[in-house]
Amino acid sequence: MSGLQTDCLTPPAAVKPPRRRWPGIALRLGCRYALGCVFLMAAVTKITDLNAFVTLVETRTELPHWFAAPAAAFLPWLELTCAACLLSGKAVREAATILAVLLVGLLFHALTHLGQPDCGCWVFPRIGTETIWWWPLLRNSALLLCGLRVLWK
């Protein structure tokens, strides 16, 4: 060796970001839009007849009136806001988190009130679902999985 030393560092090799696979992206986007559409329709059906929804919540839950009425009046607007966020692509993770927490509560309610008629505030058909005890469990579980998929990158 000639004794010449160089203190220059070799530039690092270009690091390429890992490629995202399109099925995962498509699934996440599909779940985001499905969740947004479902909760948009649920919010619109509740907002258009808010008094009936407040009465429904008061009669179907064991919540006291002082809590049930404001919660039932607030819930559709929360759903509408979260659905708008999911569909527009703004604050997606926050909206999916709120809806996932809401779906856990709805799943818990469905588990503790098996066989009770459904509220009818979803997009899904209501015909004959009053006698199918497992339908709210399946629906809420599928929507919860969609919400979790949107949260998980």
N, C-alpha and C. Protein backbone atom coordinates (compact mmCIF):
# COMPACT_ATOMS: atom_id res chain seq x y z
N MET A 1 0.84 -1.16 0.00
CA MET A 1 0.00 0.00 0.00
C MET A 1 0.89 1.23 0.00
N SER A 2 0.46 2.25 -0.57
CA SER A 2 1.28 3.43 -0.75
C SER A 2 1.29 4.35 0.46
N GLY A 3 0.49 4.08 1.45
CA GLY A 3 0.47 4.91 2.63
C GLY A 3 -0.50 6.07 2.52
N LEU A 4 -1.12 6.21 1.39
CA LEU A 4 -2.12 7.26 1.23
C LEU A 4 -3.41 6.82 1.89
N GLN A 5 -3.91 7.64 2.74
CA GLN A 5 -5.18 7.30 3.37
C GLN A 5 -6.21 8.33 2.95
N THR A 6 -7.33 7.86 2.69
CA THR A 6 -8.43 8.77 2.35
C THR A 6 -9.47 8.67 3.44
N ASP A 7 -9.95 9.80 3.82
CA ASP A 7 -10.97 9.85 4.87
C ASP A 7 -12.38 9.99 4.30
N CYS A 8 -12.50 9.84 3.04
CA CYS A 8 -13.85 10.00 2.49
C CYS A 8 -14.63 8.71 2.69
N LEU A 9 -15.85 8.92 3.01
CA LEU A 9 -16.74 7.79 3.23
C LEU A 9 -17.40 7.42 1.92
N THR A 10 -17.60 6.18 1.78
CA THR A 10 -18.31 5.75 0.59
C THR A 10 -19.79 6.01 0.78
N PRO A 11 -20.41 6.50 -0.25
CA PRO A 11 -21.85 6.79 -0.10
C PRO A 11 -22.62 5.50 0.11
N PRO A 12 -23.62 5.54 0.96
CA PRO A 12 -24.40 4.33 1.20
C PRO A 12 -25.19 3.95 -0.05
N ALA A 13 -25.40 2.68 -0.15
CA ALA A 13 -26.19 2.18 -1.28
C ALA A 13 -27.61 2.73 -1.16
N ALA A 14 -28.17 3.01 -2.28
CA ALA A 14 -29.53 3.55 -2.28
C ALA A 14 -30.48 2.52 -1.65
N VAL A 15 -31.17 2.97 -0.65
CA VAL A 15 -32.11 2.09 0.04
C VAL A 15 -33.48 2.28 -0.58
N LYS A 16 -33.98 1.23 -1.11
CA LYS A 16 -35.29 1.29 -1.73
C LYS A 16 -36.34 0.94 -0.68
N PRO A 17 -37.40 1.69 -0.65
CA PRO A 17 -38.47 1.34 0.30
C PRO A 17 -39.10 0.02 -0.11
N PRO A 18 -39.58 -0.73 0.87
CA PRO A 18 -40.21 -2.00 0.50
C PRO A 18 -41.45 -1.76 -0.35
N ARG A 19 -41.60 -2.59 -1.32
CA ARG A 19 -42.76 -2.46 -2.22
C ARG A 19 -44.01 -2.93 -1.51
N ARG A 20 -45.04 -2.14 -1.64
CA ARG A 20 -46.33 -2.55 -1.07
C ARG A 20 -47.03 -3.41 -2.10
N ARG A 21 -47.66 -4.38 -1.60
CA ARG A 21 -48.37 -5.29 -2.49
C ARG A 21 -49.78 -4.78 -2.72
N TRP A 22 -50.22 -4.83 -3.95
CA TRP A 22 -51.51 -4.26 -4.30
C TRP A 22 -52.69 -4.95 -3.66
N PRO A 23 -52.69 -6.25 -3.38
CA PRO A 23 -53.88 -6.81 -2.72
C PRO A 23 -54.11 -6.22 -1.33
N GLY A 24 -53.04 -5.98 -0.59
CA GLY A 24 -53.18 -5.38 0.73
C GLY A 24 -53.72 -3.97 0.67
N ILE A 25 -53.23 -3.21 -0.31
CA ILE A 25 -53.72 -1.85 -0.49
C ILE A 25 -55.18 -1.86 -0.91
N ALA A 26 -55.52 -2.75 -1.82
CA ALA A 26 -56.91 -2.83 -2.29
C ALA A 26 -57.84 -3.26 -1.15
N LEU A 27 -57.39 -4.19 -0.33
CA LEU A 27 -58.22 -4.64 0.79
C LEU A 27 -58.43 -3.51 1.79
N ARG A 28 -57.37 -2.78 2.10
CA ARG A 28 -57.47 -1.67 3.05
C ARG A 28 -58.39 -0.58 2.50
N LEU A 29 -58.25 -0.26 1.22
CA LEU A 29 -59.09 0.76 0.61
C LEU A 29 -60.54 0.30 0.53
N GLY A 30 -60.75 -0.97 0.19
CA GLY A 30 -62.11 -1.51 0.14
C GLY A 30 -62.76 -1.50 1.51
N CYS A 31 -62.01 -1.87 2.54
CA CYS A 31 -62.54 -1.83 3.91
C CYS A 31 -62.85 -0.41 4.33
N ARG A 32 -61.98 0.53 3.96
CA ARG A 32 -62.21 1.93 4.32
C ARG A 32 -63.48 2.46 3.69
N TYR A 33 -63.68 2.18 2.39
CA TYR A 33 -64.87 2.68 1.71
C TYR A 33 -66.13 1.95 2.17
N ALA A 34 -66.03 0.65 2.43
CA ALA A 34 -67.19 -0.11 2.92
C ALA A 34 -67.63 0.40 4.28
N LEU A 35 -66.68 0.59 5.17
CA LEU A 35 -66.98 1.11 6.50
C LEU A 35 -67.56 2.52 6.41
N GLY A 36 -66.98 3.34 5.56
CA GLY A 36 -67.50 4.70 5.38
C GLY A 36 -68.91 4.71 4.84
N CYS A 37 -69.20 3.88 3.85
CA CYS A 37 -70.55 3.83 3.27
C CYS A 37 -71.57 3.30 4.26
N VAL A 38 -71.22 2.25 4.99
CA VAL A 38 -72.15 1.67 5.96
C VAL A 38 -72.50 2.68 7.05
N PHE A 39 -71.48 3.34 7.59
CA PHE A 39 -71.76 4.30 8.65
C PHE A 39 -72.38 5.58 8.13
N LEU A 40 -72.14 5.93 6.88
CA LEU A 40 -72.83 7.08 6.28
C LEU A 40 -74.32 6.79 6.19
N MET A 41 -74.66 5.61 5.71
CA MET A 41 -76.08 5.25 5.59
C MET A 41 -76.72 5.10 6.97
N ALA A 42 -76.00 4.53 7.91
CA ALA A 42 -76.55 4.40 9.27
C ALA A 42 -76.81 5.76 9.88
N ALA A 43 -75.88 6.70 9.67
CA ALA A 43 -76.05 8.04 10.22
C ALA A 43 -77.23 8.76 9.57
N VAL A 44 -77.34 8.65 8.27
CA VAL A 44 -78.42 9.35 7.56
C VAL A 44 -79.78 8.81 7.99
N THR A 45 -79.91 7.49 8.14
CA THR A 45 -81.20 6.94 8.55
C THR A 45 -81.56 7.35 9.97
N LYS A 46 -80.57 7.55 10.83
CA LYS A 46 -80.85 7.98 12.20
C LYS A 46 -81.14 9.48 12.25
N ILE A 47 -80.39 10.27 11.50
CA ILE A 47 -80.57 11.72 11.52
C ILE A 47 -81.92 12.13 10.94
N THR A 48 -82.37 11.43 9.92
CA THR A 48 -83.65 11.80 9.30
C THR A 48 -84.84 11.55 10.22
N ASP A 49 -84.70 10.64 11.18
CA ASP A 49 -85.76 10.40 12.16
C ASP A 49 -85.12 10.28 13.54
N LEU A 50 -84.57 11.39 14.00
CA LEU A 50 -83.79 11.40 15.23
C LEU A 50 -84.64 11.08 16.46
N ASN A 51 -85.87 11.57 16.49
CA ASN A 51 -86.74 11.30 17.65
C ASN A 51 -87.03 9.81 17.80
N ALA A 52 -87.25 9.13 16.69
CA ALA A 52 -87.50 7.69 16.75
C ALA A 52 -86.25 6.95 17.22
N PHE A 53 -85.07 7.40 16.81
CA PHE A 53 -83.85 6.74 17.25
C PHE A 53 -83.61 6.96 18.74
N VAL A 54 -83.88 8.16 19.22
CA VAL A 54 -83.72 8.42 20.66
C VAL A 54 -84.67 7.53 21.45
N THR A 55 -85.90 7.41 20.99
CA THR A 55 -86.88 6.52 21.66
C THR A 55 -86.41 5.08 21.61
N LEU A 56 -85.88 4.65 20.48
CA LEU A 56 -85.39 3.29 20.33
C LEU A 56 -84.25 3.00 21.31
N VAL A 57 -83.32 3.92 21.42
CA VAL A 57 -82.19 3.72 22.34
C VAL A 57 -82.69 3.68 23.78
N GLU A 58 -83.62 4.54 24.12
CA GLU A 58 -84.13 4.56 25.49
C GLU A 58 -84.88 3.28 25.84
N THR A 59 -85.61 2.71 24.89
CA THR A 59 -86.39 1.50 25.19
C THR A 59 -85.58 0.22 25.10
N ARG A 60 -84.55 0.17 24.25
CA ARG A 60 -83.79 -1.07 24.05
C ARG A 60 -82.57 -1.21 24.93
N THR A 61 -82.17 -0.16 25.62
CA THR A 61 -81.00 -0.25 26.48
C THR A 61 -81.42 -0.01 27.92
N GLU A 62 -80.57 -0.37 28.80
CA GLU A 62 -80.83 -0.16 30.22
C GLU A 62 -80.23 1.17 30.69
N LEU A 63 -79.87 2.02 29.76
CA LEU A 63 -79.28 3.30 30.12
C LEU A 63 -80.34 4.24 30.69
N PRO A 64 -79.98 5.04 31.67
CA PRO A 64 -80.95 6.01 32.19
C PRO A 64 -81.26 7.08 31.14
N HIS A 65 -82.42 7.69 31.26
CA HIS A 65 -82.87 8.67 30.28
C HIS A 65 -81.89 9.84 30.16
N TRP A 66 -81.35 10.30 31.27
CA TRP A 66 -80.46 11.46 31.26
C TRP A 66 -79.19 11.20 30.46
N PHE A 67 -78.83 9.92 30.26
CA PHE A 67 -77.65 9.58 29.46
C PHE A 67 -78.04 9.10 28.07
N ALA A 68 -79.13 8.35 27.97
CA ALA A 68 -79.53 7.75 26.69
C ALA A 68 -79.93 8.80 25.66
N ALA A 69 -80.68 9.80 26.07
CA ALA A 69 -81.16 10.80 25.12
C ALA A 69 -80.02 11.61 24.50
N PRO A 70 -79.10 12.18 25.30
CA PRO A 70 -77.99 12.91 24.66
C PRO A 70 -77.07 12.01 23.84
N ALA A 71 -76.84 10.79 24.32
CA ALA A 71 -75.97 9.86 23.57
C ALA A 71 -76.60 9.50 22.23
N ALA A 72 -77.90 9.26 22.24
CA ALA A 72 -78.59 8.90 20.99
C ALA A 72 -78.66 10.09 20.03
N ALA A 73 -78.69 11.29 20.56
CA ALA A 73 -78.70 12.47 19.70
C ALA A 73 -77.31 12.77 19.13
N PHE A 74 -76.27 12.42 19.87
CA PHE A 74 -74.90 12.68 19.45
C PHE A 74 -74.36 11.61 18.51
N LEU A 75 -74.74 10.37 18.72
CA LEU A 75 -74.17 9.23 17.99
C LEU A 75 -74.29 9.35 16.47
N PRO A 76 -75.44 9.70 15.90
CA PRO A 76 -75.50 9.78 14.43
C PRO A 76 -74.56 10.83 13.84
N TRP A 77 -74.37 11.92 14.54
CA TRP A 77 -73.47 12.95 14.03
C TRP A 77 -72.01 12.50 14.11
N LEU A 78 -71.68 11.73 15.13
CA LEU A 78 -70.35 11.15 15.22
C LEU A 78 -70.13 10.16 14.08
N GLU A 79 -71.12 9.33 13.82
CA GLU A 79 -71.02 8.37 12.71
C GLU A 79 -70.89 9.08 11.37
N LEU A 80 -71.64 10.15 11.19
CA LEU A 80 -71.58 10.91 9.95
C LEU A 80 -70.21 11.54 9.76
N THR A 81 -69.65 12.10 10.82
CA THR A 81 -68.34 12.71 10.74
C THR A 81 -67.26 11.66 10.43
N CYS A 82 -67.32 10.53 11.11
CA CYS A 82 -66.33 9.47 10.86
C CYS A 82 -66.47 8.91 9.44
N ALA A 83 -67.70 8.75 8.97
CA ALA A 83 -67.90 8.25 7.61
C ALA A 83 -67.36 9.24 6.59
N ALA A 84 -67.59 10.53 6.81
CA ALA A 84 -67.07 11.54 5.90
C ALA A 84 -65.55 11.53 5.90
N CYS A 85 -64.95 11.34 7.05
CA CYS A 85 -63.48 11.26 7.12
C CYS A 85 -62.96 10.05 6.36
N LEU A 86 -63.60 8.91 6.52
CA LEU A 86 -63.14 7.71 5.82
C LEU A 86 -63.30 7.85 4.31
N LEU A 87 -64.40 8.42 3.88
CA LEU A 87 -64.65 8.54 2.45
C LEU A 87 -63.80 9.62 1.79
N SER A 88 -63.45 10.65 2.54
CA SER A 88 -62.64 11.73 1.96
C SER A 88 -61.14 11.48 2.11
N GLY A 89 -60.75 10.56 2.98
CA GLY A 89 -59.34 10.27 3.18
C GLY A 89 -58.67 11.17 4.19
N LYS A 90 -59.42 11.94 4.93
CA LYS A 90 -58.87 12.84 5.95
C LYS A 90 -59.07 12.20 7.32
N ALA A 91 -58.05 12.18 8.15
CA ALA A 91 -58.09 11.63 9.51
C ALA A 91 -58.66 10.21 9.51
N VAL A 92 -58.16 9.39 8.62
CA VAL A 92 -58.68 8.04 8.42
C VAL A 92 -58.44 7.17 9.65
N ARG A 93 -57.24 7.20 10.18
CA ARG A 93 -56.94 6.34 11.34
C ARG A 93 -57.74 6.75 12.56
N GLU A 94 -57.94 8.03 12.76
CA GLU A 94 -58.72 8.50 13.91
C GLU A 94 -60.18 8.06 13.77
N ALA A 95 -60.73 8.22 12.57
CA ALA A 95 -62.12 7.82 12.33
C ALA A 95 -62.28 6.31 12.48
N ALA A 96 -61.33 5.56 11.97
CA ALA A 96 -61.40 4.10 12.09
C ALA A 96 -61.27 3.66 13.54
N THR A 97 -60.48 4.37 14.33
CA THR A 97 -60.35 4.04 15.75
C THR A 97 -61.67 4.28 16.48
N ILE A 98 -62.29 5.43 16.23
CA ILE A 98 -63.58 5.73 16.86
C ILE A 98 -64.63 4.70 16.47
N LEU A 99 -64.70 4.36 15.19
CA LEU A 99 -65.69 3.38 14.75
C LEU A 99 -65.39 1.98 15.27
N ALA A 100 -64.12 1.63 15.41
CA ALA A 100 -63.77 0.32 15.98
C ALA A 100 -64.22 0.23 17.44
N VAL A 101 -64.01 1.30 18.19
CA VAL A 101 -64.46 1.32 19.59
C VAL A 101 -65.99 1.22 19.63
N LEU A 102 -66.65 1.95 18.75
CA LEU A 102 -68.11 1.89 18.68
C LEU A 102 -68.58 0.48 18.31
N LEU A 103 -67.91 -0.15 17.38
CA LEU A 103 -68.28 -1.51 16.97
C LEU A 103 -68.04 -2.54 18.06
N VAL A 104 -67.01 -2.34 18.87
CA VAL A 104 -66.80 -3.23 20.02
C VAL A 104 -67.98 -3.12 20.97
N GLY A 105 -68.43 -1.90 21.22
CA GLY A 105 -69.61 -1.70 22.07
C GLY A 105 -70.86 -2.32 21.47
N LEU A 106 -71.05 -2.17 20.16
CA LEU A 106 -72.21 -2.77 19.50
C LEU A 106 -72.13 -4.29 19.51
N LEU A 107 -70.93 -4.82 19.37
CA LEU A 107 -70.75 -6.28 19.43
C LEU A 107 -71.05 -6.80 20.82
N PHE A 108 -70.60 -6.07 21.84
CA PHE A 108 -70.90 -6.45 23.21
C PHE A 108 -72.41 -6.40 23.46
N HIS A 109 -73.06 -5.38 22.96
CA HIS A 109 -74.52 -5.28 23.11
C HIS A 109 -75.22 -6.44 22.41
N ALA A 110 -74.74 -6.78 21.22
CA ALA A 110 -75.35 -7.90 20.48
C ALA A 110 -75.15 -9.22 21.22
N LEU A 111 -74.00 -9.39 21.87
CA LEU A 111 -73.74 -10.61 22.63
C LEU A 111 -74.60 -10.71 23.87
N THR A 112 -74.86 -9.59 24.51
CA THR A 112 -75.64 -9.61 25.75
C THR A 112 -77.14 -9.56 25.51
N HIS A 113 -77.56 -9.26 24.30
CA HIS A 113 -78.99 -9.17 23.99
C HIS A 113 -79.32 -10.05 22.80
N LEU A 114 -78.95 -11.31 22.88
CA LEU A 114 -79.21 -12.25 21.79
C LEU A 114 -80.72 -12.42 21.58
N GLY A 115 -81.13 -12.45 20.32
CA GLY A 115 -82.51 -12.69 20.00
C GLY A 115 -83.39 -11.46 19.99
N GLN A 116 -82.88 -10.32 20.44
CA GLN A 116 -83.69 -9.11 20.38
C GLN A 116 -83.70 -8.58 18.95
N PRO A 117 -84.78 -7.92 18.57
CA PRO A 117 -84.84 -7.39 17.20
C PRO A 117 -83.75 -6.34 16.97
N ASP A 118 -83.32 -6.28 15.75
CA ASP A 118 -82.28 -5.34 15.37
C ASP A 118 -82.86 -3.93 15.29
N CYS A 119 -82.01 -2.94 15.37
CA CYS A 119 -82.48 -1.55 15.37
C CYS A 119 -82.95 -1.11 13.99
N GLY A 120 -82.48 -1.74 12.93
CA GLY A 120 -82.89 -1.35 11.59
C GLY A 120 -82.20 -0.09 11.10
N CYS A 121 -81.10 0.26 11.72
CA CYS A 121 -80.41 1.50 11.35
C CYS A 121 -79.16 1.22 10.51
N TRP A 122 -79.11 0.08 9.89
CA TRP A 122 -77.97 -0.27 9.06
C TRP A 122 -78.41 -0.38 7.62
N VAL A 123 -77.44 -0.42 6.74
CA VAL A 123 -77.71 -0.57 5.32
C VAL A 123 -78.21 -1.97 5.01
N PHE A 124 -77.77 -2.92 5.80
CA PHE A 124 -78.07 -4.31 5.53
C PHE A 124 -79.57 -4.58 5.63
N PRO A 125 -80.06 -5.52 4.85
CA PRO A 125 -81.50 -5.78 4.87
C PRO A 125 -81.98 -6.24 6.24
N ARG A 126 -83.18 -5.81 6.57
CA ARG A 126 -83.76 -6.14 7.86
C ARG A 126 -84.77 -7.27 7.76
N ILE A 127 -85.16 -7.62 6.58
CA ILE A 127 -86.20 -8.62 6.37
C ILE A 127 -85.76 -9.96 6.95
N GLY A 128 -86.50 -10.46 7.90
CA GLY A 128 -86.24 -11.75 8.49
C GLY A 128 -85.11 -11.79 9.50
N THR A 129 -84.44 -10.67 9.74
CA THR A 129 -83.30 -10.70 10.64
C THR A 129 -83.72 -10.70 12.10
N GLU A 130 -85.00 -10.46 12.40
CA GLU A 130 -85.43 -10.48 13.79
C GLU A 130 -85.32 -11.88 14.39
N THR A 131 -85.42 -12.90 13.55
CA THR A 131 -85.37 -14.27 14.06
C THR A 131 -83.98 -14.89 13.96
N ILE A 132 -83.07 -14.23 13.28
CA ILE A 132 -81.71 -14.76 13.13
C ILE A 132 -80.85 -14.12 14.20
N TRP A 133 -80.58 -14.84 15.26
CA TRP A 133 -79.88 -14.29 16.41
C TRP A 133 -78.42 -13.99 16.12
N TRP A 134 -77.82 -14.68 15.16
CA TRP A 134 -76.40 -14.54 14.91
C TRP A 134 -76.07 -13.42 13.92
N TRP A 135 -77.08 -12.86 13.25
CA TRP A 135 -76.83 -11.85 12.23
C TRP A 135 -76.15 -10.59 12.78
N PRO A 136 -76.62 -9.99 13.89
CA PRO A 136 -75.91 -8.81 14.40
C PRO A 136 -74.48 -9.13 14.83
N LEU A 137 -74.26 -10.33 15.35
CA LEU A 137 -72.89 -10.71 15.73
C LEU A 137 -71.98 -10.80 14.51
N LEU A 138 -72.47 -11.43 13.46
CA LEU A 138 -71.69 -11.58 12.23
C LEU A 138 -71.44 -10.22 11.58
N ARG A 139 -72.46 -9.40 11.47
CA ARG A 139 -72.35 -8.09 10.84
C ARG A 139 -71.36 -7.20 11.60
N ASN A 140 -71.53 -7.11 12.93
CA ASN A 140 -70.66 -6.25 13.72
C ASN A 140 -69.22 -6.76 13.73
N SER A 141 -69.05 -8.09 13.73
CA SER A 141 -67.69 -8.65 13.69
C SER A 141 -67.02 -8.35 12.36
N ALA A 142 -67.75 -8.49 11.26
CA ALA A 142 -67.18 -8.19 9.94
C ALA A 142 -66.81 -6.72 9.83
N LEU A 143 -67.66 -5.84 10.32
CA LEU A 143 -67.36 -4.41 10.28
C LEU A 143 -66.18 -4.07 11.19
N LEU A 144 -66.10 -4.75 12.33
CA LEU A 144 -64.96 -4.53 13.23
C LEU A 144 -63.66 -4.96 12.57
N LEU A 145 -63.68 -6.08 11.88
CA LEU A 145 -62.49 -6.54 11.15
C LEU A 145 -62.10 -5.54 10.06
N CYS A 146 -63.08 -4.96 9.39
CA CYS A 146 -62.79 -3.92 8.41
C CYS A 146 -62.14 -2.71 9.07
N GLY A 147 -62.69 -2.31 10.22
CA GLY A 147 -62.11 -1.18 10.94
C GLY A 147 -60.69 -1.44 11.39
N LEU A 148 -60.43 -2.65 11.86
CA LEU A 148 -59.08 -3.01 12.28
C LEU A 148 -58.13 -3.07 11.10
N ARG A 149 -58.62 -3.50 9.94
CA ARG A 149 -57.78 -3.54 8.75
C ARG A 149 -57.39 -2.13 8.31
N VAL A 150 -58.32 -1.20 8.45
CA VAL A 150 -58.00 0.19 8.10
C VAL A 150 -56.96 0.74 9.08
N LEU A 151 -57.06 0.36 10.33
CA LEU A 151 -56.10 0.84 11.32
C LEU A 151 -54.71 0.25 11.13
N TRP A 152 -54.65 -1.00 10.72
CA TRP A 152 -53.37 -1.71 10.63
C TRP A 152 -52.77 -1.48 9.25
N LYS A 153 -51.59 -0.90 9.23
CA LYS A 153 -50.92 -0.66 7.94
C LYS A 153 -49.95 -1.77 7.64
